[in-house]
Structure formats: structure tokens, C-alpha cells
Amino acid sequence: MLSTVLILVMCALTAIAGVPLILKLVPRNEIYGVRTERALSRDEIWYEVNRFGGWALVAAAAITVLALVIWANTLLRPLWRQFAVFLLPLAIAIATTFWYERQVDSHGKRRRRRRK
């Protein structure tokens, strides 16, 4: 039970960390946010990539909470499984954010692929 509460607190902290990024409250800095060389180069890119990253963090936290609520006393009983269920969506959120960062043009807009 205590392990589930610990994971739920980690989910809450993850979601809370994403909210200022979504609201574009975090200016370019070297501590908090998606700090790639490209994202740090322009405000437009910084805010767009970090907005996406914030939503990805909130979604990862929500997916983890949902999984814990559904399978708390069955499949996810051991702490290591609960921790894995926390890390997997978080890793996907981070990877997706880095993918999205490569899709954003120099004006902070997502590039569209042209169809032939």
C-alpha cells in the first residue's frame, strides 16, 4: 500500500512539473525544461517544445495513475512493477518530446511533410 502511495506522489509531482511548461511560464534556462541546443536557441522553439513536453509529462502521469488504480492489488502488487509502470510512460513521454523537438521549425511551428 505504501509503495502505491509513493508512486502516486511521484505521478502528482510529474504532472505538477508539467503544468508550468504547458502554460509557457518557464523562460529559457539551463535547469528546467527541454534543454536541447536547438530549444535554447530561440524563444519560439523553447516554448513550443516545452509546451508539448509538459503535456507529455501530464499524460504519462495520468496513464500511470490509471494503471495503478485498475491493477493495484493484482498485476501491479510488487513495487518493482509499479515503478516500471511509472517509468515506461515517462520514457515514452521524453522520447516523444525529443522527436517533436526535431519536427519544430525555426518559428516554433511543427513542420508538415509534403505529400507527393
N, C-alpha and C. Protein backbone atom coordinates (compact mmCIF):
# COMPACT_ATOMS: atom_id res chain seq x y z
N MET A 1 0.82 -1.20 0.00
CA MET A 1 0.00 0.00 0.00
C MET A 1 0.87 1.26 0.00
N LEU A 2 1.90 1.28 0.84
CA LEU A 2 2.77 2.43 0.91
C LEU A 2 3.49 2.65 -0.41
N SER A 3 3.85 1.57 -1.09
CA SER A 3 4.53 1.70 -2.37
C SER A 3 3.61 2.34 -3.42
N THR A 4 2.34 2.01 -3.38
CA THR A 4 1.38 2.62 -4.31
C THR A 4 1.26 4.11 -4.04
N VAL A 5 1.21 4.48 -2.79
CA VAL A 5 1.12 5.90 -2.42
C VAL A 5 2.37 6.63 -2.90
N LEU A 6 3.54 6.02 -2.74
CA LEU A 6 4.79 6.62 -3.19
C LEU A 6 4.76 6.87 -4.71
N ILE A 7 4.31 5.89 -5.47
CA ILE A 7 4.24 6.04 -6.92
C ILE A 7 3.21 7.12 -7.29
N LEU A 8 2.08 7.16 -6.58
CA LEU A 8 1.06 8.17 -6.85
C LEU A 8 1.60 9.59 -6.55
N VAL A 9 2.39 9.73 -5.51
CA VAL A 9 3.02 11.02 -5.20
C VAL A 9 3.99 11.39 -6.33
N MET A 10 4.76 10.44 -6.82
CA MET A 10 5.67 10.70 -7.93
C MET A 10 4.90 11.12 -9.18
N CYS A 11 3.74 10.51 -9.41
CA CYS A 11 2.90 10.91 -10.54
C CYS A 11 2.40 12.34 -10.37
N ALA A 12 1.98 12.68 -9.16
CA ALA A 12 1.50 14.03 -8.90
C ALA A 12 2.61 15.05 -9.13
N LEU A 13 3.81 14.75 -8.66
CA LEU A 13 4.94 15.66 -8.86
C LEU A 13 5.30 15.79 -10.34
N THR A 14 5.19 14.70 -11.08
CA THR A 14 5.46 14.74 -12.52
C THR A 14 4.46 15.63 -13.23
N ALA A 15 3.18 15.47 -12.89
CA ALA A 15 2.14 16.29 -13.51
C ALA A 15 2.30 17.76 -13.12
N ILE A 16 2.63 18.01 -11.86
CA ILE A 16 2.83 19.38 -11.39
C ILE A 16 4.02 20.03 -12.12
N ALA A 17 5.05 19.25 -12.39
CA ALA A 17 6.22 19.77 -13.12
C ALA A 17 5.85 20.13 -14.56
N GLY A 18 4.87 19.45 -15.13
CA GLY A 18 4.47 19.72 -16.50
C GLY A 18 3.60 20.95 -16.68
N VAL A 19 2.85 21.33 -15.66
CA VAL A 19 1.89 22.43 -15.79
C VAL A 19 2.55 23.77 -16.14
N PRO A 20 3.62 24.21 -15.48
CA PRO A 20 4.23 25.48 -15.88
C PRO A 20 4.77 25.46 -17.32
N LEU A 21 5.18 24.29 -17.77
CA LEU A 21 5.64 24.17 -19.15
C LEU A 21 4.49 24.33 -20.13
N ILE A 22 3.35 23.73 -19.82
CA ILE A 22 2.16 23.85 -20.65
C ILE A 22 1.72 25.31 -20.75
N LEU A 23 1.75 26.00 -19.63
CA LEU A 23 1.29 27.39 -19.56
C LEU A 23 2.33 28.40 -20.05
N LYS A 24 3.47 27.90 -20.51
CA LYS A 24 4.56 28.73 -21.03
C LYS A 24 5.03 29.76 -20.01
N LEU A 25 5.16 29.31 -18.77
CA LEU A 25 5.60 30.18 -17.69
C LEU A 25 7.11 30.10 -17.45
N VAL A 26 7.76 29.15 -18.08
CA VAL A 26 9.18 28.91 -17.83
C VAL A 26 10.01 29.47 -18.99
N PRO A 27 10.76 30.55 -18.75
CA PRO A 27 11.61 31.08 -19.82
C PRO A 27 12.82 30.17 -20.05
N ARG A 28 13.52 30.42 -21.14
CA ARG A 28 14.73 29.64 -21.44
C ARG A 28 15.67 29.69 -20.24
N ASN A 29 16.17 28.52 -19.86
CA ASN A 29 17.10 28.44 -18.74
C ASN A 29 17.91 27.16 -18.87
N GLU A 30 18.86 26.98 -18.00
CA GLU A 30 19.74 25.81 -18.05
C GLU A 30 19.36 24.75 -17.02
N ILE A 31 18.20 24.90 -16.37
CA ILE A 31 17.85 23.98 -15.29
C ILE A 31 16.57 23.21 -15.57
N TYR A 32 15.51 23.87 -16.01
CA TYR A 32 14.17 23.29 -16.03
C TYR A 32 13.59 23.35 -17.43
N GLY A 33 13.17 22.22 -17.95
CA GLY A 33 12.56 22.16 -19.27
C GLY A 33 13.39 21.29 -20.21
N VAL A 34 12.99 21.28 -21.47
CA VAL A 34 13.71 20.54 -22.51
C VAL A 34 14.86 21.43 -22.95
N ARG A 35 16.07 21.08 -22.55
CA ARG A 35 17.22 21.94 -22.75
C ARG A 35 18.14 21.42 -23.85
N THR A 36 17.62 21.30 -25.03
CA THR A 36 18.49 20.94 -26.16
C THR A 36 19.08 22.22 -26.73
N GLU A 37 20.13 22.07 -27.49
CA GLU A 37 20.77 23.25 -28.10
C GLU A 37 19.78 24.01 -28.97
N ARG A 38 18.99 23.27 -29.71
CA ARG A 38 18.01 23.90 -30.62
C ARG A 38 16.91 24.61 -29.84
N ALA A 39 16.40 23.98 -28.79
CA ALA A 39 15.34 24.60 -28.00
C ALA A 39 15.84 25.85 -27.29
N LEU A 40 17.07 25.85 -26.88
CA LEU A 40 17.63 27.01 -26.20
C LEU A 40 17.98 28.15 -27.16
N SER A 41 17.95 27.88 -28.46
CA SER A 41 18.37 28.88 -29.43
C SER A 41 17.35 29.99 -29.65
N ARG A 42 16.05 29.70 -29.54
CA ARG A 42 15.00 30.71 -29.80
C ARG A 42 13.83 30.51 -28.85
N ASP A 43 13.22 31.62 -28.45
CA ASP A 43 12.06 31.55 -27.55
C ASP A 43 10.91 30.76 -28.17
N GLU A 44 10.66 30.96 -29.46
CA GLU A 44 9.53 30.28 -30.11
C GLU A 44 9.68 28.76 -30.03
N ILE A 45 10.88 28.29 -30.28
CA ILE A 45 11.13 26.84 -30.22
C ILE A 45 11.04 26.37 -28.77
N TRP A 46 11.65 27.12 -27.86
CA TRP A 46 11.65 26.75 -26.45
C TRP A 46 10.22 26.55 -25.93
N TYR A 47 9.37 27.53 -26.14
CA TYR A 47 8.01 27.45 -25.60
C TYR A 47 7.19 26.35 -26.26
N GLU A 48 7.33 26.17 -27.55
CA GLU A 48 6.56 25.14 -28.24
C GLU A 48 6.98 23.73 -27.81
N VAL A 49 8.27 23.49 -27.77
CA VAL A 49 8.77 22.16 -27.38
C VAL A 49 8.43 21.87 -25.92
N ASN A 50 8.59 22.85 -25.06
CA ASN A 50 8.30 22.63 -23.64
C ASN A 50 6.81 22.52 -23.37
N ARG A 51 5.98 23.20 -24.16
CA ARG A 51 4.53 23.02 -24.02
C ARG A 51 4.17 21.57 -24.33
N PHE A 52 4.71 21.06 -25.44
CA PHE A 52 4.47 19.67 -25.80
C PHE A 52 5.00 18.73 -24.71
N GLY A 53 6.21 18.99 -24.23
CA GLY A 53 6.80 18.17 -23.18
C GLY A 53 5.99 18.19 -21.90
N GLY A 54 5.43 19.34 -21.56
CA GLY A 54 4.57 19.43 -20.38
C GLY A 54 3.34 18.56 -20.51
N TRP A 55 2.70 18.62 -21.67
CA TRP A 55 1.54 17.76 -21.91
C TRP A 55 1.94 16.28 -21.87
N ALA A 56 3.11 15.97 -22.39
CA ALA A 56 3.58 14.57 -22.37
C ALA A 56 3.79 14.10 -20.93
N LEU A 57 4.33 14.96 -20.07
CA LEU A 57 4.51 14.59 -18.67
C LEU A 57 3.17 14.37 -17.96
N VAL A 58 2.22 15.25 -18.21
CA VAL A 58 0.90 15.10 -17.59
C VAL A 58 0.22 13.82 -18.08
N ALA A 59 0.33 13.54 -19.37
CA ALA A 59 -0.27 12.31 -19.92
C ALA A 59 0.40 11.07 -19.33
N ALA A 60 1.72 11.08 -19.20
CA ALA A 60 2.43 9.93 -18.63
C ALA A 60 1.98 9.70 -17.18
N ALA A 61 1.84 10.77 -16.42
CA ALA A 61 1.38 10.64 -15.03
C ALA A 61 -0.04 10.10 -14.98
N ALA A 62 -0.90 10.59 -15.85
CA ALA A 62 -2.30 10.13 -15.87
C ALA A 62 -2.39 8.65 -16.25
N ILE A 63 -1.61 8.23 -17.23
CA ILE A 63 -1.62 6.82 -17.64
C ILE A 63 -1.14 5.94 -16.50
N THR A 64 -0.11 6.38 -15.78
CA THR A 64 0.40 5.61 -14.65
C THR A 64 -0.65 5.50 -13.55
N VAL A 65 -1.29 6.60 -13.22
CA VAL A 65 -2.33 6.58 -12.18
C VAL A 65 -3.46 5.65 -12.59
N LEU A 66 -3.88 5.73 -13.83
CA LEU A 66 -4.95 4.86 -14.31
C LEU A 66 -4.56 3.40 -14.20
N ALA A 67 -3.35 3.07 -14.59
CA ALA A 67 -2.88 1.68 -14.49
C ALA A 67 -2.82 1.23 -13.03
N LEU A 68 -2.36 2.10 -12.14
CA LEU A 68 -2.29 1.73 -10.73
C LEU A 68 -3.68 1.53 -10.12
N VAL A 69 -4.61 2.35 -10.52
CA VAL A 69 -5.97 2.22 -9.99
C VAL A 69 -6.63 0.93 -10.49
N ILE A 70 -6.41 0.61 -11.74
CA ILE A 70 -7.04 -0.58 -12.32
C ILE A 70 -6.42 -1.86 -11.79
N TRP A 71 -5.08 -1.90 -11.71
CA TRP A 71 -4.39 -3.15 -11.37
C TRP A 71 -3.67 -3.11 -10.03
N ALA A 72 -4.05 -2.25 -9.13
CA ALA A 72 -3.29 -2.03 -7.89
C ALA A 72 -3.07 -3.31 -7.07
N ASN A 73 -4.07 -4.08 -6.83
CA ASN A 73 -3.92 -5.24 -5.95
C ASN A 73 -3.80 -6.55 -6.71
N THR A 74 -3.58 -6.48 -8.00
CA THR A 74 -3.45 -7.73 -8.76
C THR A 74 -2.10 -7.75 -9.46
N LEU A 75 -2.08 -7.33 -10.69
CA LEU A 75 -0.89 -7.40 -11.52
C LEU A 75 0.25 -6.55 -10.97
N LEU A 76 -0.06 -5.38 -10.42
CA LEU A 76 0.98 -4.43 -10.00
C LEU A 76 1.27 -4.46 -8.51
N ARG A 77 1.13 -5.59 -7.90
CA ARG A 77 1.35 -5.67 -6.46
C ARG A 77 2.81 -5.40 -6.06
N PRO A 78 3.82 -6.01 -6.69
CA PRO A 78 5.20 -5.72 -6.28
C PRO A 78 5.61 -4.29 -6.66
N LEU A 79 6.45 -3.69 -5.81
CA LEU A 79 6.91 -2.32 -6.04
C LEU A 79 7.64 -2.18 -7.36
N TRP A 80 8.45 -3.14 -7.75
CA TRP A 80 9.23 -3.00 -8.98
C TRP A 80 8.32 -2.92 -10.20
N ARG A 81 7.17 -3.60 -10.18
CA ARG A 81 6.23 -3.50 -11.30
C ARG A 81 5.57 -2.12 -11.34
N GLN A 82 5.22 -1.62 -10.17
CA GLN A 82 4.63 -0.29 -10.12
C GLN A 82 5.62 0.76 -10.61
N PHE A 83 6.87 0.62 -10.22
CA PHE A 83 7.89 1.55 -10.65
C PHE A 83 8.10 1.44 -12.16
N ALA A 84 8.05 0.23 -12.70
CA ALA A 84 8.19 0.04 -14.15
C ALA A 84 7.02 0.69 -14.88
N VAL A 85 5.83 0.59 -14.32
CA VAL A 85 4.65 1.21 -14.94
C VAL A 85 4.76 2.73 -14.87
N PHE A 86 5.47 3.26 -13.89
CA PHE A 86 5.73 4.70 -13.83
C PHE A 86 6.78 5.10 -14.86
N LEU A 87 7.85 4.32 -14.97
CA LEU A 87 8.96 4.68 -15.85
C LEU A 87 8.65 4.53 -17.33
N LEU A 88 7.88 3.52 -17.71
CA LEU A 88 7.61 3.28 -19.13
C LEU A 88 6.89 4.46 -19.79
N PRO A 89 5.75 4.93 -19.27
CA PRO A 89 5.12 6.10 -19.90
C PRO A 89 5.99 7.36 -19.82
N LEU A 90 6.77 7.50 -18.75
CA LEU A 90 7.66 8.64 -18.63
C LEU A 90 8.74 8.60 -19.71
N ALA A 91 9.30 7.43 -19.95
CA ALA A 91 10.31 7.29 -21.00
C ALA A 91 9.71 7.56 -22.38
N ILE A 92 8.50 7.09 -22.61
CA ILE A 92 7.83 7.35 -23.88
C ILE A 92 7.56 8.85 -24.04
N ALA A 93 7.15 9.51 -22.95
CA ALA A 93 6.90 10.96 -23.00
C ALA A 93 8.18 11.72 -23.34
N ILE A 94 9.28 11.34 -22.74
CA ILE A 94 10.55 12.01 -23.01
C ILE A 94 11.00 11.77 -24.44
N ALA A 95 10.92 10.52 -24.89
CA ALA A 95 11.33 10.21 -26.27
C ALA A 95 10.45 10.94 -27.28
N THR A 96 9.15 10.98 -27.03
CA THR A 96 8.23 11.67 -27.94
C THR A 96 8.52 13.18 -27.97
N THR A 97 8.88 13.74 -26.84
CA THR A 97 9.20 15.17 -26.78
C THR A 97 10.46 15.47 -27.60
N PHE A 98 11.47 14.62 -27.50
CA PHE A 98 12.67 14.83 -28.30
C PHE A 98 12.38 14.64 -29.79
N TRP A 99 11.50 13.71 -30.12
CA TRP A 99 11.08 13.55 -31.52
C TRP A 99 10.38 14.83 -31.99
N TYR A 100 9.47 15.34 -31.17
CA TYR A 100 8.73 16.55 -31.52
C TYR A 100 9.66 17.74 -31.69
N GLU A 101 10.68 17.82 -30.87
CA GLU A 101 11.64 18.92 -30.97
C GLU A 101 12.29 18.96 -32.35
N ARG A 102 12.53 17.81 -32.93
CA ARG A 102 13.12 17.77 -34.28
C ARG A 102 12.11 18.13 -35.36
N GLN A 103 10.81 18.08 -35.04
CA GLN A 103 9.77 18.39 -36.01
C GLN A 103 9.42 19.87 -36.05
N VAL A 104 9.87 20.63 -35.07
CA VAL A 104 9.51 22.05 -34.97
C VAL A 104 10.48 22.87 -35.81
N ASP A 105 9.93 23.80 -36.61
CA ASP A 105 10.79 24.66 -37.44
C ASP A 105 11.33 25.83 -36.61
N SER A 106 12.05 26.71 -37.24
CA SER A 106 12.70 27.81 -36.52
C SER A 106 11.71 28.86 -36.00
N HIS A 107 10.46 28.78 -36.40
CA HIS A 107 9.44 29.71 -35.92
C HIS A 107 8.57 29.11 -34.82
N GLY A 108 8.91 27.91 -34.38
CA GLY A 108 8.15 27.27 -33.32
C GLY A 108 6.90 26.57 -33.80
N LYS A 109 6.79 26.32 -35.09
CA LYS A 109 5.63 25.61 -35.65
C LYS A 109 6.08 24.23 -36.11
N ARG A 110 5.18 23.28 -35.98
CA ARG A 110 5.51 21.93 -36.42
C ARG A 110 5.56 21.88 -37.94
N ARG A 111 6.64 21.31 -38.46
CA ARG A 111 6.76 21.17 -39.91
C ARG A 111 5.83 20.08 -40.40
N ARG A 112 5.21 20.34 -41.51
CA ARG A 112 4.34 19.35 -42.13
C ARG A 112 5.09 18.69 -43.26
N ARG A 113 4.94 17.41 -43.38
CA ARG A 113 5.57 16.71 -44.50
C ARG A 113 4.71 16.92 -45.74
N ARG A 114 5.37 17.19 -46.81
CA ARG A 114 4.65 17.38 -48.07
C ARG A 114 4.43 16.04 -48.72
N ARG A 115 3.23 15.82 -49.14
CA ARG A 115 2.92 14.55 -49.85
C ARG A 115 3.16 14.73 -51.32
N LYS A 116 3.62 13.69 -51.92
CA LYS A 116 3.88 13.73 -53.36
C LYS A 116 2.66 13.37 -54.15
